[in-house]
Amino acid sequence: MMRWILFVLVWLGSGVASFYMPWWIIAPAAFVCGSLLPCTPGKSLAIGVFAFGLLWFSGALYYHSLGEGIVTARTAALFGIAQPWLLLAACTFIGGLIGGLATLAGSYLRSIKSM
C-alpha cells in the first residue's frame, strides 16, 4: 500500500510542480517524497524510475502528438537518431534515471535519520 502512495505522490507532485517551475524541480520533489514515506531503498528506486519514466514519456508523447511528430522527427535528425520513437525512449530513460536516483537518495536520508 505504501508503494502506491509513494508512486502517486511522486507522480502527481512532480507533475504539478513541473508545470509551474523549471524541469529540474522534479529531483527535489522526488527527494522529499522519498524521505517522507518509509520504503526500502530498492523499492524507492523502482518507484521513482517508473513514476518519472511514465511522467516524462507521457509529456514527450503529448508534445509529439501536439506537433504531429514533425518537431520530434527534426530533433531526432539533429541528434543523428534514425527513428523519432528512440528520442521518446531517451526522454523516458533520462527522466526515470533522475527520478529514481532522487527518490533513492531521499530513502537513504530517511534510513540515516532513523538510526
Protein backbone atom coordinates (compact mmCIF):
# COMPACT_ATOMS: atom_id res chain seq x y z
CA MET A 1 0.00 0.00 0.00
CA MET A 2 2.81 2.41 0.88
CA ARG A 3 4.38 1.78 -2.53
CA TRP A 4 1.29 3.03 -4.34
CA ILE A 5 1.04 6.06 -2.10
CA LEU A 6 4.68 6.89 -2.85
CA PHE A 7 4.11 6.33 -6.58
CA VAL A 8 1.06 8.60 -6.71
CA LEU A 9 2.70 11.24 -4.52
CA VAL A 10 5.85 11.30 -6.65
CA TRP A 11 3.98 11.22 -9.95
CA LEU A 12 1.37 13.85 -9.15
CA GLY A 13 3.55 16.09 -7.01
CA SER A 14 6.35 16.27 -9.53
CA GLY A 15 3.97 16.55 -12.45
CA VAL A 16 2.19 19.52 -10.97
CA ALA A 17 5.44 21.14 -9.85
CA SER A 18 6.97 20.79 -13.30
CA PHE A 19 4.15 22.83 -14.84
CA TYR A 20 4.96 25.90 -12.75
CA MET A 21 8.70 25.57 -12.14
CA PRO A 22 11.79 24.56 -14.16
CA TRP A 23 12.26 20.98 -15.31
CA TRP A 24 14.81 20.17 -12.60
CA ILE A 25 12.25 20.67 -9.80
CA ILE A 26 11.34 17.00 -10.20
CA ALA A 27 14.55 15.92 -8.47
CA PRO A 28 13.96 17.83 -5.20
CA ALA A 29 10.29 16.79 -5.26
CA ALA A 30 11.27 13.13 -5.60
CA PHE A 31 13.89 13.53 -2.88
CA VAL A 32 11.30 14.92 -0.46
CA CYS A 33 8.78 12.20 -1.33
CA GLY A 34 11.41 9.51 -0.88
CA SER A 35 12.42 10.86 2.50
CA LEU A 36 8.85 11.23 3.82
CA LEU A 37 7.44 7.77 3.16
CA PRO A 38 9.04 4.59 4.52
CA CYS A 39 10.14 2.23 1.75
CA THR A 40 13.24 0.15 1.22
CA PRO A 41 15.87 1.77 -1.00
CA GLY A 42 15.31 -0.76 -3.78
CA LYS A 43 11.57 -0.17 -3.86
CA SER A 44 12.11 3.59 -3.73
CA LEU A 45 14.44 3.40 -6.71
CA ALA A 46 11.98 1.29 -8.70
CA ILE A 47 9.04 3.54 -7.84
CA GLY A 48 10.99 6.66 -8.78
CA VAL A 49 12.15 5.18 -12.09
CA PHE A 50 8.65 4.02 -13.00
CA ALA A 51 6.88 7.21 -11.87
CA PHE A 52 9.24 9.59 -13.63
CA GLY A 53 9.62 7.41 -16.67
CA LEU A 54 5.86 7.42 -17.04
CA LEU A 55 5.69 11.17 -16.38
CA TRP A 56 8.33 12.07 -18.93
CA PHE A 57 7.07 9.58 -21.50
CA SER A 58 3.54 10.93 -21.26
CA GLY A 59 4.84 14.50 -21.58
CA ALA A 60 7.04 13.63 -24.55
CA LEU A 61 4.20 11.72 -26.20
CA TYR A 62 1.86 14.67 -25.65
CA TYR A 63 4.26 17.10 -27.30
CA HIS A 64 4.97 14.58 -30.06
CA SER A 65 1.28 14.29 -30.90
CA LEU A 66 0.73 18.04 -30.49
CA GLY A 67 3.29 18.77 -33.19
CA GLU A 68 2.16 15.77 -35.28
CA GLY A 69 5.63 14.27 -34.93
CA ILE A 70 7.32 16.95 -37.03
CA VAL A 71 9.34 18.51 -34.21
CA THR A 72 10.28 15.11 -32.81
CA ALA A 73 11.45 13.89 -36.22
CA ARG A 74 13.53 17.02 -36.80
CA THR A 75 15.04 16.87 -33.31
CA ALA A 76 15.88 13.21 -33.82
CA ALA A 77 17.54 14.06 -37.13
CA LEU A 78 19.50 16.83 -35.43
CA PHE A 79 20.94 14.32 -32.96
CA GLY A 80 21.51 11.72 -35.68
CA ILE A 81 18.81 9.36 -34.40
CA ALA A 82 17.16 7.34 -37.17
CA GLN A 83 13.72 6.94 -35.59
CA PRO A 84 11.75 9.58 -33.61
CA TRP A 85 10.47 6.97 -31.14
CA LEU A 86 14.07 6.48 -29.97
CA LEU A 87 14.03 10.10 -28.85
CA LEU A 88 10.90 9.36 -26.79
CA ALA A 89 12.69 6.35 -25.29
CA ALA A 90 15.70 8.51 -24.45
CA CYS A 91 13.46 11.06 -22.70
CA THR A 92 11.84 8.26 -20.72
CA PHE A 93 15.23 6.86 -19.71
CA ILE A 94 16.61 10.24 -18.63
CA GLY A 95 13.50 11.11 -16.64
CA GLY A 96 13.43 7.72 -14.98
CA LEU A 97 17.11 7.95 -14.08
CA ILE A 98 16.74 11.39 -12.50
CA GLY A 99 13.62 10.47 -10.57
CA GLY A 100 14.89 7.10 -9.43
CA LEU A 101 18.17 8.44 -8.10
CA ALA A 102 16.48 11.34 -6.33
CA THR A 103 13.92 9.04 -4.69
CA LEU A 104 16.72 6.65 -3.71
CA ALA A 105 18.68 9.49 -2.12
CA GLY A 106 15.60 10.51 -0.14
CA SER A 107 15.13 6.94 1.03
CA TYR A 108 18.76 6.78 2.17
CA LEU A 109 18.30 10.05 4.06
CA ARG A 110 15.30 8.56 5.86
CA SER A 111 17.26 5.46 6.82
CA ILE A 112 20.15 7.60 8.12
CA LYS A 113 17.76 9.76 10.17
CA SER A 114 16.13 6.70 11.74
CA MET A 115 19.45 5.35 13.06
